[in-house]
């Protein structure tokens, strides 16, 4: 393989990975962790189901929204620092 062929092959491989790397970078910068984690799996699922891109976006953004709501609720509960009530059953289950 000549130097130009190796460079062309490396460039083609790099170019194929670039959209995915850029997308992942942007999702991290935008702080969209659920979309970052689920976009590829959801895209494959939507392709199998022949779902159009608008419904794909709807599904993936709904996942992000639901996850944000769950994390916000968990965070509020932690911040509230509710007292832990010890019952006989909870004490017995630790043994």
N, C-alpha and C. Protein backbone atom coordinates (compact mmCIF):
# COMPACT_ATOMS: atom_id res chain seq x y z
N UNK A 1 0.85 -1.18 0.00
CA UNK A 1 0.00 0.00 0.00
C UNK A 1 0.89 1.23 0.00
N UNK A 2 0.60 2.18 -0.86
CA UNK A 2 1.41 3.39 -0.93
C UNK A 2 0.98 4.37 0.17
N UNK A 3 1.78 5.40 0.37
CA UNK A 3 1.49 6.40 1.39
C UNK A 3 0.16 7.10 1.17
N UNK A 4 -0.17 7.36 -0.10
CA UNK A 4 -1.44 8.03 -0.39
C UNK A 4 -2.63 7.13 -0.10
N UNK A 5 -2.47 5.83 -0.34
CA UNK A 5 -3.56 4.91 -0.07
C UNK A 5 -3.81 4.79 1.44
N UNK A 6 -2.73 4.75 2.21
CA UNK A 6 -2.86 4.68 3.66
C UNK A 6 -3.53 5.94 4.18
N UNK A 7 -3.11 7.10 3.69
CA UNK A 7 -3.71 8.36 4.11
C UNK A 7 -5.18 8.41 3.73
N UNK A 8 -5.51 7.98 2.53
CA UNK A 8 -6.92 7.97 2.09
C UNK A 8 -7.74 7.04 2.96
N UNK A 9 -7.19 5.87 3.30
CA UNK A 9 -7.91 4.92 4.16
C UNK A 9 -8.10 5.50 5.54
N UNK A 10 -7.07 6.10 6.12
CA UNK A 10 -7.18 6.71 7.44
C UNK A 10 -8.17 7.87 7.44
N UNK A 11 -8.14 8.66 6.39
CA UNK A 11 -9.06 9.79 6.29
C UNK A 11 -10.50 9.29 6.19
N UNK A 12 -10.73 8.25 5.40
CA UNK A 12 -12.08 7.70 5.26
C UNK A 12 -12.59 7.15 6.59
N UNK A 13 -11.72 6.44 7.31
CA UNK A 13 -12.11 5.90 8.61
C UNK A 13 -12.36 7.03 9.60
N UNK A 14 -11.52 8.04 9.58
CA UNK A 14 -11.69 9.18 10.49
C UNK A 14 -12.97 9.94 10.16
N UNK A 15 -13.24 10.14 8.89
CA UNK A 15 -14.44 10.86 8.47
C UNK A 15 -15.70 10.10 8.86
N UNK A 16 -15.66 8.78 8.80
CA UNK A 16 -16.83 7.98 9.16
C UNK A 16 -17.14 8.10 10.64
N UNK A 17 -16.13 8.23 11.48
CA UNK A 17 -16.31 8.36 12.93
C UNK A 17 -16.64 9.79 13.35
N UNK A 18 -16.30 10.76 12.54
CA UNK A 18 -16.44 12.16 12.92
C UNK A 18 -17.85 12.57 13.31
N UNK A 19 -18.90 12.25 12.55
CA UNK A 19 -20.25 12.67 12.96
C UNK A 19 -20.63 12.13 14.34
N UNK A 20 -20.31 10.87 14.60
CA UNK A 20 -20.66 10.28 15.89
C UNK A 20 -19.88 10.97 17.01
N UNK A 21 -18.59 11.21 16.80
CA UNK A 21 -17.78 11.88 17.82
C UNK A 21 -18.28 13.30 18.08
N UNK A 22 -18.60 14.01 17.02
CA UNK A 22 -19.13 15.37 17.17
C UNK A 22 -20.47 15.37 17.88
N UNK A 23 -21.35 14.45 17.51
CA UNK A 23 -22.65 14.36 18.15
C UNK A 23 -22.49 14.10 19.65
N UNK A 24 -21.64 13.14 20.00
CA UNK A 24 -21.42 12.82 21.41
C UNK A 24 -20.83 14.01 22.15
N UNK A 25 -19.92 14.71 21.51
CA UNK A 25 -19.33 15.92 22.13
C UNK A 25 -20.41 16.97 22.36
N UNK A 26 -21.24 17.22 21.36
CA UNK A 26 -22.30 18.23 21.49
C UNK A 26 -23.31 17.85 22.58
N UNK A 27 -23.67 16.57 22.63
CA UNK A 27 -24.62 16.12 23.65
C UNK A 27 -24.05 16.30 25.06
N UNK A 28 -22.73 16.07 25.20
CA UNK A 28 -22.09 16.30 26.50
C UNK A 28 -22.09 17.79 26.83
N UNK A 29 -21.75 18.61 25.86
CA UNK A 29 -21.71 20.07 26.08
C UNK A 29 -23.10 20.62 26.42
N UNK A 30 -24.12 20.07 25.79
CA UNK A 30 -25.49 20.51 26.03
C UNK A 30 -26.09 19.88 27.29
N UNK A 31 -25.32 18.99 27.90
CA UNK A 31 -25.75 18.29 29.12
C UNK A 31 -27.06 17.53 28.90
N UNK A 32 -26.99 16.62 27.93
CA UNK A 32 -28.12 15.76 27.60
C UNK A 32 -27.68 14.30 27.79
N UNK A 33 -27.47 13.89 29.03
CA UNK A 33 -26.88 12.56 29.28
C UNK A 33 -27.76 11.40 28.84
N UNK A 34 -29.05 11.52 28.95
CA UNK A 34 -29.92 10.41 28.56
C UNK A 34 -29.91 10.24 27.05
N UNK A 35 -29.95 11.33 26.32
CA UNK A 35 -29.88 11.23 24.85
C UNK A 35 -28.53 10.66 24.45
N UNK A 36 -27.46 11.11 25.10
CA UNK A 36 -26.13 10.59 24.80
C UNK A 36 -26.09 9.08 25.01
N UNK A 37 -26.68 8.62 26.08
CA UNK A 37 -26.65 7.20 26.42
C UNK A 37 -27.57 6.37 25.51
N UNK A 38 -28.69 6.93 25.07
CA UNK A 38 -29.73 6.15 24.41
C UNK A 38 -29.91 6.39 22.91
N UNK A 39 -29.26 7.41 22.35
CA UNK A 39 -29.60 7.79 20.97
C UNK A 39 -29.35 6.68 19.96
N UNK A 40 -28.28 5.94 20.11
CA UNK A 40 -27.96 4.91 19.13
C UNK A 40 -28.94 3.75 19.21
N UNK A 41 -29.22 3.31 20.43
CA UNK A 41 -30.18 2.21 20.62
C UNK A 41 -31.56 2.62 20.12
N UNK A 42 -31.98 3.84 20.44
CA UNK A 42 -33.29 4.32 20.01
C UNK A 42 -33.33 4.47 18.48
N UNK A 43 -32.24 4.90 17.88
CA UNK A 43 -32.20 5.04 16.41
C UNK A 43 -32.36 3.68 15.75
N UNK A 44 -31.67 2.66 16.28
CA UNK A 44 -31.80 1.31 15.71
C UNK A 44 -33.22 0.79 15.88
N UNK A 45 -33.81 1.02 17.05
CA UNK A 45 -35.18 0.56 17.31
C UNK A 45 -36.16 1.25 16.36
N UNK A 46 -35.99 2.55 16.18
CA UNK A 46 -36.88 3.30 15.29
C UNK A 46 -36.70 2.87 13.83
N UNK A 47 -35.49 2.51 13.46
CA UNK A 47 -35.24 2.04 12.09
C UNK A 47 -35.98 0.73 11.85
N UNK A 48 -35.92 -0.17 12.82
CA UNK A 48 -36.62 -1.45 12.70
C UNK A 48 -38.12 -1.23 12.60
N UNK A 49 -38.62 -0.29 13.39
CA UNK A 49 -40.07 0.00 13.40
C UNK A 49 -40.48 0.95 12.28
N UNK A 50 -39.52 1.39 11.48
CA UNK A 50 -39.73 2.35 10.39
C UNK A 50 -40.41 3.63 10.88
N UNK A 51 -39.89 4.14 11.99
CA UNK A 51 -40.40 5.38 12.58
C UNK A 51 -39.67 6.54 11.93
N UNK A 52 -40.39 7.61 11.60
CA UNK A 52 -39.75 8.76 10.96
C UNK A 52 -38.92 9.55 11.98
N UNK A 53 -38.12 10.49 11.46
CA UNK A 53 -37.17 11.20 12.32
C UNK A 53 -37.87 12.06 13.37
N UNK A 54 -39.05 12.60 13.07
CA UNK A 54 -39.76 13.42 14.05
C UNK A 54 -40.19 12.59 15.26
N UNK A 55 -40.66 11.38 15.00
CA UNK A 55 -41.06 10.51 16.11
C UNK A 55 -39.83 10.00 16.87
N UNK A 56 -38.73 9.79 16.15
CA UNK A 56 -37.47 9.43 16.82
C UNK A 56 -37.07 10.55 17.78
N UNK A 57 -37.08 11.79 17.31
CA UNK A 57 -36.73 12.92 18.17
C UNK A 57 -37.70 13.05 19.34
N UNK A 58 -38.97 12.82 19.08
CA UNK A 58 -39.96 12.87 20.15
C UNK A 58 -39.64 11.83 21.22
N UNK A 59 -39.38 10.61 20.79
CA UNK A 59 -39.09 9.53 21.75
C UNK A 59 -37.84 9.83 22.57
N UNK A 60 -36.78 10.26 21.90
CA UNK A 60 -35.51 10.45 22.60
C UNK A 60 -35.58 11.66 23.53
N UNK A 61 -36.31 12.70 23.14
CA UNK A 61 -36.44 13.86 24.03
C UNK A 61 -37.37 13.55 25.19
N UNK A 62 -38.38 12.70 24.97
CA UNK A 62 -39.23 12.27 26.08
C UNK A 62 -38.42 11.51 27.12
N UNK A 63 -37.51 10.65 26.65
CA UNK A 63 -36.64 9.92 27.58
C UNK A 63 -35.81 10.89 28.41
N UNK A 64 -35.25 11.89 27.75
CA UNK A 64 -34.43 12.88 28.45
C UNK A 64 -35.28 13.62 29.48
N UNK A 65 -36.45 14.04 29.10
CA UNK A 65 -37.32 14.78 30.00
C UNK A 65 -37.72 13.94 31.21
N UNK A 66 -38.12 12.70 30.98
CA UNK A 66 -38.50 11.82 32.09
C UNK A 66 -37.33 11.56 33.04
N UNK A 67 -36.15 11.37 32.47
CA UNK A 67 -34.97 11.14 33.30
C UNK A 67 -34.62 12.38 34.12
N UNK A 68 -34.73 13.55 33.50
CA UNK A 68 -34.48 14.80 34.24
C UNK A 68 -35.45 14.98 35.39
N UNK A 69 -36.72 14.68 35.13
CA UNK A 69 -37.73 14.80 36.19
C UNK A 69 -37.44 13.84 37.33
N UNK A 70 -37.04 12.62 37.00
CA UNK A 70 -36.71 11.62 38.03
C UNK A 70 -35.50 12.07 38.84
N UNK A 71 -34.46 12.55 38.16
CA UNK A 71 -33.25 13.01 38.88
C UNK A 71 -33.55 14.22 39.75
N UNK A 72 -34.41 15.13 39.27
CA UNK A 72 -34.77 16.31 40.06
C UNK A 72 -35.53 15.90 41.31
N UNK A 73 -36.44 14.94 41.17
CA UNK A 73 -37.18 14.44 42.34
C UNK A 73 -36.23 13.79 43.33
N UNK A 74 -35.35 12.95 42.84
CA UNK A 74 -34.37 12.30 43.72
C UNK A 74 -33.50 13.34 44.44
N UNK A 75 -33.07 14.36 43.70
CA UNK A 75 -32.23 15.41 44.28
C UNK A 75 -32.99 16.17 45.36
N UNK A 76 -34.25 16.50 45.10
CA UNK A 76 -35.05 17.22 46.10
C UNK A 76 -35.26 16.39 47.37
N UNK A 77 -35.47 15.10 47.20
CA UNK A 77 -35.65 14.22 48.36
C UNK A 77 -34.36 14.18 49.17
N UNK A 78 -33.22 14.04 48.48
CA UNK A 78 -31.93 14.04 49.20
C UNK A 78 -31.70 15.36 49.92
N UNK A 79 -32.00 16.48 49.26
CA UNK A 79 -31.79 17.80 49.86
C UNK A 79 -32.71 18.06 51.03
N UNK A 80 -33.88 17.43 51.04
CA UNK A 80 -34.83 17.62 52.13
C UNK A 80 -34.32 17.00 53.43
N UNK A 81 -33.43 16.03 53.30
CA UNK A 81 -32.84 15.35 54.47
C UNK A 81 -33.90 14.88 55.44
N UNK A 82 -34.86 14.14 54.89
CA UNK A 82 -35.90 13.57 55.73
C UNK A 82 -35.26 12.63 56.75
N UNK A 83 -35.81 12.60 57.95
CA UNK A 83 -35.26 11.67 58.94
C UNK A 83 -35.56 10.23 58.54
N UNK A 84 -34.65 9.36 58.85
CA UNK A 84 -34.84 7.94 58.56
C UNK A 84 -35.57 7.33 59.74
N UNK A 85 -36.70 6.73 59.46
CA UNK A 85 -37.51 6.11 60.51
C UNK A 85 -37.13 4.64 60.58
N UNK A 86 -36.67 4.23 61.73
CA UNK A 86 -36.27 2.84 61.92
C UNK A 86 -37.46 2.05 62.47
N UNK A 87 -37.75 0.97 61.80
CA UNK A 87 -38.82 0.09 62.25
C UNK A 87 -38.20 -1.25 62.64
N UNK A 88 -38.98 -2.03 63.30
CA UNK A 88 -38.50 -3.35 63.70
C UNK A 88 -38.12 -4.18 62.46
N UNK A 89 -38.92 -4.11 61.42
CA UNK A 89 -38.64 -4.87 60.20
C UNK A 89 -37.36 -4.42 59.53
N UNK A 90 -37.11 -3.12 59.46
CA UNK A 90 -35.88 -2.65 58.81
C UNK A 90 -34.66 -3.04 59.64
N UNK A 91 -34.79 -3.08 60.96
CA UNK A 91 -33.68 -3.48 61.81
C UNK A 91 -33.41 -4.96 61.66
N UNK A 92 -34.48 -5.76 61.59
CA UNK A 92 -34.32 -7.21 61.44
C UNK A 92 -33.75 -7.59 60.09
N UNK A 93 -34.10 -6.84 59.05
CA UNK A 93 -33.62 -7.18 57.70
C UNK A 93 -32.13 -6.91 57.53
N UNK A 94 -31.55 -6.10 58.38
CA UNK A 94 -30.11 -5.80 58.28
C UNK A 94 -29.26 -6.90 58.89
N UNK A 95 -29.84 -7.79 59.64
CA UNK A 95 -29.05 -8.84 60.31
C UNK A 95 -28.68 -9.94 59.38
